[in-house]
N, C-alpha and C. Protein backbone atom coordinates (compact mmCIF):
# COMPACT_ATOMS: atom_id res chain seq x y z
N MET A 1 56.92 -87.06 -49.69
CA MET A 1 56.42 -85.28 -48.78
C MET A 1 56.03 -84.44 -49.71
N ASN A 2 54.58 -83.76 -49.84
CA ASN A 2 54.23 -82.89 -51.00
C ASN A 2 55.37 -81.38 -50.30
N ASN A 3 55.48 -81.30 -51.30
CA ASN A 3 56.30 -79.62 -51.09
C ASN A 3 55.51 -78.12 -51.93
N GLU A 4 54.29 -78.86 -52.11
CA GLU A 4 53.69 -77.72 -52.62
C GLU A 4 52.74 -77.07 -51.17
N ALA A 5 52.75 -75.58 -51.60
CA ALA A 5 52.16 -74.91 -50.85
C ALA A 5 50.26 -74.94 -51.07
N PRO A 6 49.83 -74.75 -49.96
CA PRO A 6 48.58 -75.27 -49.82
C PRO A 6 47.66 -74.31 -50.64
N ASN A 7 47.94 -72.59 -50.54
CA ASN A 7 47.02 -71.92 -51.44
C ASN A 7 47.59 -72.25 -53.00
N SER A 8 48.30 -73.21 -53.88
CA SER A 8 49.15 -72.73 -54.49
C SER A 8 47.81 -72.96 -56.22
N ALA A 9 47.94 -72.61 -57.36
CA ALA A 9 47.17 -72.05 -57.77
C ALA A 9 46.23 -74.06 -58.43
N LYS A 10 47.03 -75.40 -58.22
CA LYS A 10 46.67 -76.56 -58.75
C LYS A 10 45.40 -76.66 -57.05
N ALA A 11 46.16 -76.41 -56.24
CA ALA A 11 45.20 -76.63 -54.96
C ALA A 11 43.82 -76.13 -54.81
N THR A 12 43.15 -74.61 -55.13
CA THR A 12 42.83 -74.06 -55.10
C THR A 12 41.91 -74.19 -56.80
N ARG A 13 41.87 -74.61 -57.70
CA ARG A 13 41.69 -75.03 -59.06
C ARG A 13 40.11 -75.13 -59.06
N THR A 14 39.23 -74.26 -59.68
CA THR A 14 37.74 -74.38 -59.90
C THR A 14 37.25 -75.11 -61.06
N ARG A 15 36.21 -75.57 -61.25
CA ARG A 15 36.12 -76.71 -62.33
C ARG A 15 34.78 -75.18 -63.15
N ARG A 16 35.78 -75.38 -64.45
CA ARG A 16 34.97 -73.92 -65.42
C ARG A 16 33.45 -74.46 -65.38
N ARG A 17 32.64 -73.45 -65.35
CA ARG A 17 31.32 -73.57 -65.70
C ARG A 17 30.89 -73.92 -67.11
N PRO A 18 29.98 -74.05 -67.88
CA PRO A 18 30.38 -74.61 -69.33
C PRO A 18 29.85 -73.60 -70.16
N GLU A 19 28.98 -72.16 -69.93
CA GLU A 19 29.10 -71.06 -70.31
C GLU A 19 30.20 -70.31 -70.58
N ALA A 20 30.78 -70.84 -70.17
CA ALA A 20 32.11 -70.12 -69.78
C ALA A 20 32.62 -70.48 -71.40
N ASP A 21 32.48 -71.20 -71.97
CA ASP A 21 33.32 -71.14 -73.26
C ASP A 21 33.27 -70.23 -74.56
N TRP A 22 31.73 -70.03 -74.53
CA TRP A 22 30.58 -69.20 -75.63
C TRP A 22 30.26 -68.28 -74.69
N ALA A 23 30.28 -67.74 -73.62
CA ALA A 23 29.75 -66.65 -72.97
C ALA A 23 30.14 -65.56 -73.94
N PRO A 24 31.41 -65.07 -73.71
CA PRO A 24 32.21 -64.10 -74.67
C PRO A 24 31.70 -63.72 -76.30
N HIS A 25 31.31 -64.41 -76.80
CA HIS A 25 31.22 -64.30 -78.11
C HIS A 25 29.40 -64.55 -78.06
N LEU A 26 28.69 -64.35 -77.44
CA LEU A 26 27.41 -63.82 -77.55
C LEU A 26 27.18 -63.22 -78.35
N THR A 27 25.83 -62.63 -79.32
CA THR A 27 25.57 -61.92 -80.31
C THR A 27 24.34 -62.22 -80.40
N ASN A 28 23.83 -61.19 -80.53
CA ASN A 28 22.13 -61.04 -80.55
C ASN A 28 21.35 -61.39 -82.49
N ASP A 29 22.36 -61.61 -83.04
CA ASP A 29 22.14 -62.63 -84.37
C ASP A 29 20.79 -63.77 -84.54
N PRO A 30 19.91 -63.39 -84.99
CA PRO A 30 18.55 -64.83 -85.04
C PRO A 30 19.37 -65.64 -85.96
N ARG A 31 20.05 -65.55 -86.57
CA ARG A 31 20.66 -66.50 -87.10
C ARG A 31 21.73 -67.78 -87.12
N ARG A 32 22.34 -67.07 -85.54
CA ARG A 32 23.42 -67.64 -84.94
C ARG A 32 22.75 -68.93 -84.66
N ILE A 33 23.72 -70.28 -84.82
CA ILE A 33 23.27 -71.45 -84.29
C ILE A 33 24.20 -71.30 -83.02
N ILE A 34 23.40 -72.12 -81.60
CA ILE A 34 23.88 -72.25 -80.65
C ILE A 34 23.62 -73.11 -80.43
N ARG A 35 24.69 -74.21 -79.30
CA ARG A 35 24.57 -75.75 -79.33
C ARG A 35 24.24 -76.05 -78.14
N GLU A 36 24.35 -76.81 -77.71
CA GLU A 36 23.78 -77.92 -76.30
C GLU A 36 23.83 -76.72 -75.18
N PRO A 37 24.72 -76.54 -74.55
CA PRO A 37 25.33 -76.20 -73.22
C PRO A 37 24.94 -74.40 -73.51
N GLU A 38 24.46 -73.87 -74.79
CA GLU A 38 24.09 -72.60 -74.33
C GLU A 38 22.68 -72.73 -74.14
N ARG A 39 22.15 -73.65 -74.95
CA ARG A 39 21.01 -73.77 -75.09
C ARG A 39 20.06 -74.00 -73.95
N ARG A 40 21.02 -74.93 -73.20
CA ARG A 40 20.53 -75.47 -71.87
C ARG A 40 21.12 -74.59 -71.07
N PHE A 41 21.37 -73.02 -70.98
CA PHE A 41 22.13 -71.81 -69.86
C PHE A 41 21.07 -71.63 -70.33
N LEU A 42 20.55 -71.01 -71.35
CA LEU A 42 19.64 -70.19 -71.87
C LEU A 42 18.14 -70.43 -71.32
N THR A 43 17.71 -71.94 -71.33
CA THR A 43 16.33 -72.58 -71.49
C THR A 43 16.49 -72.70 -69.40
N GLY A 44 17.30 -73.30 -69.51
CA GLY A 44 17.41 -73.87 -67.95
C GLY A 44 17.00 -75.24 -67.64
N LEU A 45 16.58 -76.07 -69.30
CA LEU A 45 15.81 -77.57 -69.34
C LEU A 45 17.46 -78.15 -69.19
N SER A 46 17.31 -79.36 -69.06
CA SER A 46 18.10 -80.59 -69.04
C SER A 46 17.75 -81.26 -70.62
N ARG A 47 18.24 -81.40 -70.98
CA ARG A 47 18.54 -82.29 -72.86
C ARG A 47 17.20 -82.95 -72.79
N THR A 48 16.95 -84.14 -71.67
CA THR A 48 15.97 -85.12 -71.89
C THR A 48 14.74 -84.21 -71.46
N GLN A 49 14.09 -83.33 -71.09
CA GLN A 49 12.94 -82.13 -70.71
C GLN A 49 12.54 -81.69 -72.27
N TRP A 50 13.75 -81.30 -72.82
CA TRP A 50 14.39 -80.55 -74.14
C TRP A 50 13.85 -81.21 -75.04
N TRP A 51 14.43 -82.52 -75.57
CA TRP A 51 13.50 -83.29 -76.21
C TRP A 51 12.51 -83.97 -76.08
N ARG A 52 11.58 -83.94 -74.70
CA ARG A 52 10.21 -84.39 -74.68
C ARG A 52 9.37 -83.02 -75.52
N LEU A 53 9.68 -81.96 -75.36
CA LEU A 53 8.78 -80.92 -75.51
C LEU A 53 9.26 -80.57 -77.20
N GLU A 54 10.50 -80.91 -77.70
CA GLU A 54 11.04 -81.63 -79.07
C GLU A 54 9.78 -82.25 -79.49
N GLN A 55 9.42 -83.36 -79.23
CA GLN A 55 8.78 -84.64 -79.86
C GLN A 55 6.92 -84.04 -79.55
N ASP A 56 7.03 -83.16 -78.75
CA ASP A 56 5.67 -82.63 -78.82
C ASP A 56 5.06 -81.40 -79.30
N ASP A 57 6.19 -81.09 -80.25
CA ASP A 57 6.19 -80.25 -81.08
C ASP A 57 5.92 -78.38 -80.12
N LYS A 58 6.54 -79.00 -79.04
CA LYS A 58 5.96 -77.27 -78.00
C LYS A 58 7.58 -76.36 -78.19
N ALA A 59 8.24 -77.22 -78.59
CA ALA A 59 9.89 -76.44 -78.47
C ALA A 59 10.29 -76.18 -80.24
N PRO A 60 11.33 -75.47 -80.85
CA PRO A 60 11.59 -75.80 -81.66
C PRO A 60 13.02 -76.93 -81.60
N ARG A 61 12.29 -77.44 -83.08
CA ARG A 61 14.16 -78.85 -83.44
C ARG A 61 14.71 -78.48 -83.71
N ARG A 62 15.66 -79.17 -83.49
CA ARG A 62 17.29 -79.07 -83.50
C ARG A 62 17.21 -79.31 -84.82
N ILE A 63 18.67 -78.59 -85.42
CA ILE A 63 18.90 -78.43 -86.58
C ILE A 63 20.31 -79.49 -86.52
N MET A 64 20.31 -80.43 -87.53
CA MET A 64 21.13 -81.35 -87.51
C MET A 64 22.20 -80.85 -88.28
N LEU A 65 23.70 -80.26 -87.44
CA LEU A 65 24.52 -80.23 -88.41
C LEU A 65 25.45 -80.37 -89.33
N SER A 66 25.51 -81.89 -88.54
CA SER A 66 26.33 -82.90 -88.76
C SER A 66 25.67 -84.64 -88.73
N GLN A 67 25.96 -85.56 -88.96
CA GLN A 67 25.57 -86.85 -88.38
C GLN A 67 25.19 -87.11 -86.58
N ILE A 68 26.25 -86.30 -86.05
CA ILE A 68 26.03 -86.45 -84.58
C ILE A 68 25.90 -85.03 -83.95
N ALA A 69 26.26 -83.75 -84.79
CA ALA A 69 26.02 -82.37 -84.15
C ALA A 69 24.78 -82.22 -84.51
N HIS A 70 24.29 -81.23 -83.65
CA HIS A 70 22.90 -80.82 -83.89
C HIS A 70 23.17 -78.55 -82.71
N GLY A 71 22.20 -77.96 -83.47
CA GLY A 71 21.80 -77.13 -82.84
C GLY A 71 20.51 -76.13 -83.42
N TRP A 72 20.14 -75.35 -82.96
CA TRP A 72 19.39 -74.29 -82.43
C TRP A 72 19.60 -72.59 -83.27
N THR A 73 18.78 -72.04 -83.78
CA THR A 73 19.27 -70.88 -84.04
C THR A 73 18.64 -69.95 -82.88
N TRP A 74 19.80 -68.47 -82.86
CA TRP A 74 19.08 -67.72 -81.15
C TRP A 74 18.11 -67.65 -81.44
N GLY A 75 17.10 -67.01 -82.79
CA GLY A 75 16.35 -66.51 -82.56
C GLY A 75 15.21 -67.64 -81.96
N GLU A 76 14.91 -68.73 -82.28
CA GLU A 76 14.10 -69.48 -82.25
C GLU A 76 13.96 -69.92 -80.71
N ILE A 77 15.20 -69.71 -79.98
CA ILE A 77 14.64 -70.26 -78.66
C ILE A 77 14.17 -69.01 -78.29
N THR A 78 14.65 -67.89 -78.63
CA THR A 78 14.78 -66.63 -77.81
C THR A 78 13.39 -66.37 -77.94
N ASP A 79 12.85 -66.51 -79.11
CA ASP A 79 11.37 -66.33 -79.80
C ASP A 79 10.79 -67.17 -78.51
N TRP A 80 11.01 -68.39 -78.67
CA TRP A 80 10.13 -69.64 -77.67
C TRP A 80 10.34 -69.32 -75.93
N ILE A 81 11.30 -68.29 -75.84
CA ILE A 81 11.16 -68.02 -74.71
C ILE A 81 10.51 -66.57 -74.08
N GLU A 82 10.29 -66.29 -75.11
CA GLU A 82 9.34 -65.04 -75.01
C GLU A 82 7.74 -65.46 -74.91
N ALA A 83 7.39 -66.20 -76.31
CA ALA A 83 6.46 -66.93 -76.26
C ALA A 83 6.17 -67.76 -74.87
N ARG A 84 6.36 -67.81 -74.00
CA ARG A 84 6.37 -69.14 -72.88
C ARG A 84 6.14 -67.52 -71.90
N ALA A 85 7.14 -66.46 -71.60
CA ALA A 85 6.85 -65.41 -70.63
C ALA A 85 5.48 -65.51 -71.25
N ALA A 86 4.94 -64.87 -72.53
CA ALA A 86 3.60 -64.23 -72.86
C ALA A 86 2.79 -64.77 -72.33
N ALA A 87 2.84 -66.27 -73.03
CA ALA A 87 1.49 -66.95 -72.35
C ALA A 87 0.86 -66.92 -70.93
N ARG A 88 2.59 -67.30 -69.68
CA ARG A 88 2.65 -66.99 -68.24
C ARG A 88 2.01 -65.53 -68.45
N ARG A 89 2.48 -64.59 -68.77
CA ARG A 89 1.29 -63.11 -68.48
C ARG A 89 -0.29 -63.15 -69.28
N GLY A 90 0.12 -63.89 -69.98
CA GLY A 90 -1.76 -64.08 -70.93
C GLY A 90 -3.14 -64.35 -69.67
N ARG A 91 -1.97 -65.94 -68.68
CA ARG A 91 -2.52 -66.38 -67.79
C ARG A 91 -3.52 -65.88 -66.39
N GLY A 92 -2.32 -64.60 -66.44
CA GLY A 92 -2.45 -63.50 -65.19
C GLY A 92 -1.35 -63.64 -63.75
N GLY A 93 -0.62 -64.54 -64.88
CA GLY A 93 0.75 -64.98 -63.49
C GLY A 93 0.83 -63.39 -63.18
N SER A 94 1.70 -63.23 -62.08
CA SER A 94 2.11 -62.26 -60.98
C SER A 94 3.74 -62.07 -61.55
N HIS A 95 4.22 -63.20 -62.14
CA HIS A 95 6.02 -62.95 -62.23
C HIS A 95 6.01 -62.36 -63.32
N GLY A 96 7.10 -61.42 -62.89
CA GLY A 96 7.57 -60.98 -64.47
C GLY A 96 7.07 -59.57 -64.43
N LYS A 97 6.30 -59.09 -63.67
CA LYS A 97 5.75 -57.61 -63.68
C LYS A 97 6.56 -56.89 -63.16
């Protein structure tokens, strides 16, 4: 029989969001290296979609940090996001105005 109260911390524990690990440490330094979870959070694109854009030279390419670790600079990612928004505005889109 379970003697644990139904409202205990164990019963109500929720899964942490991936960005919770890095969000308190955000800075606007364009040289700062960001890793996959932050890139995914900022762009809203899956790993596969981002890889396809990289292969087509439509998105900043990753920087290899080691044989398996990679990242991007904050400045490249935010510049890419701004360029996408500017292109949308240039096409006469009404979003974001």
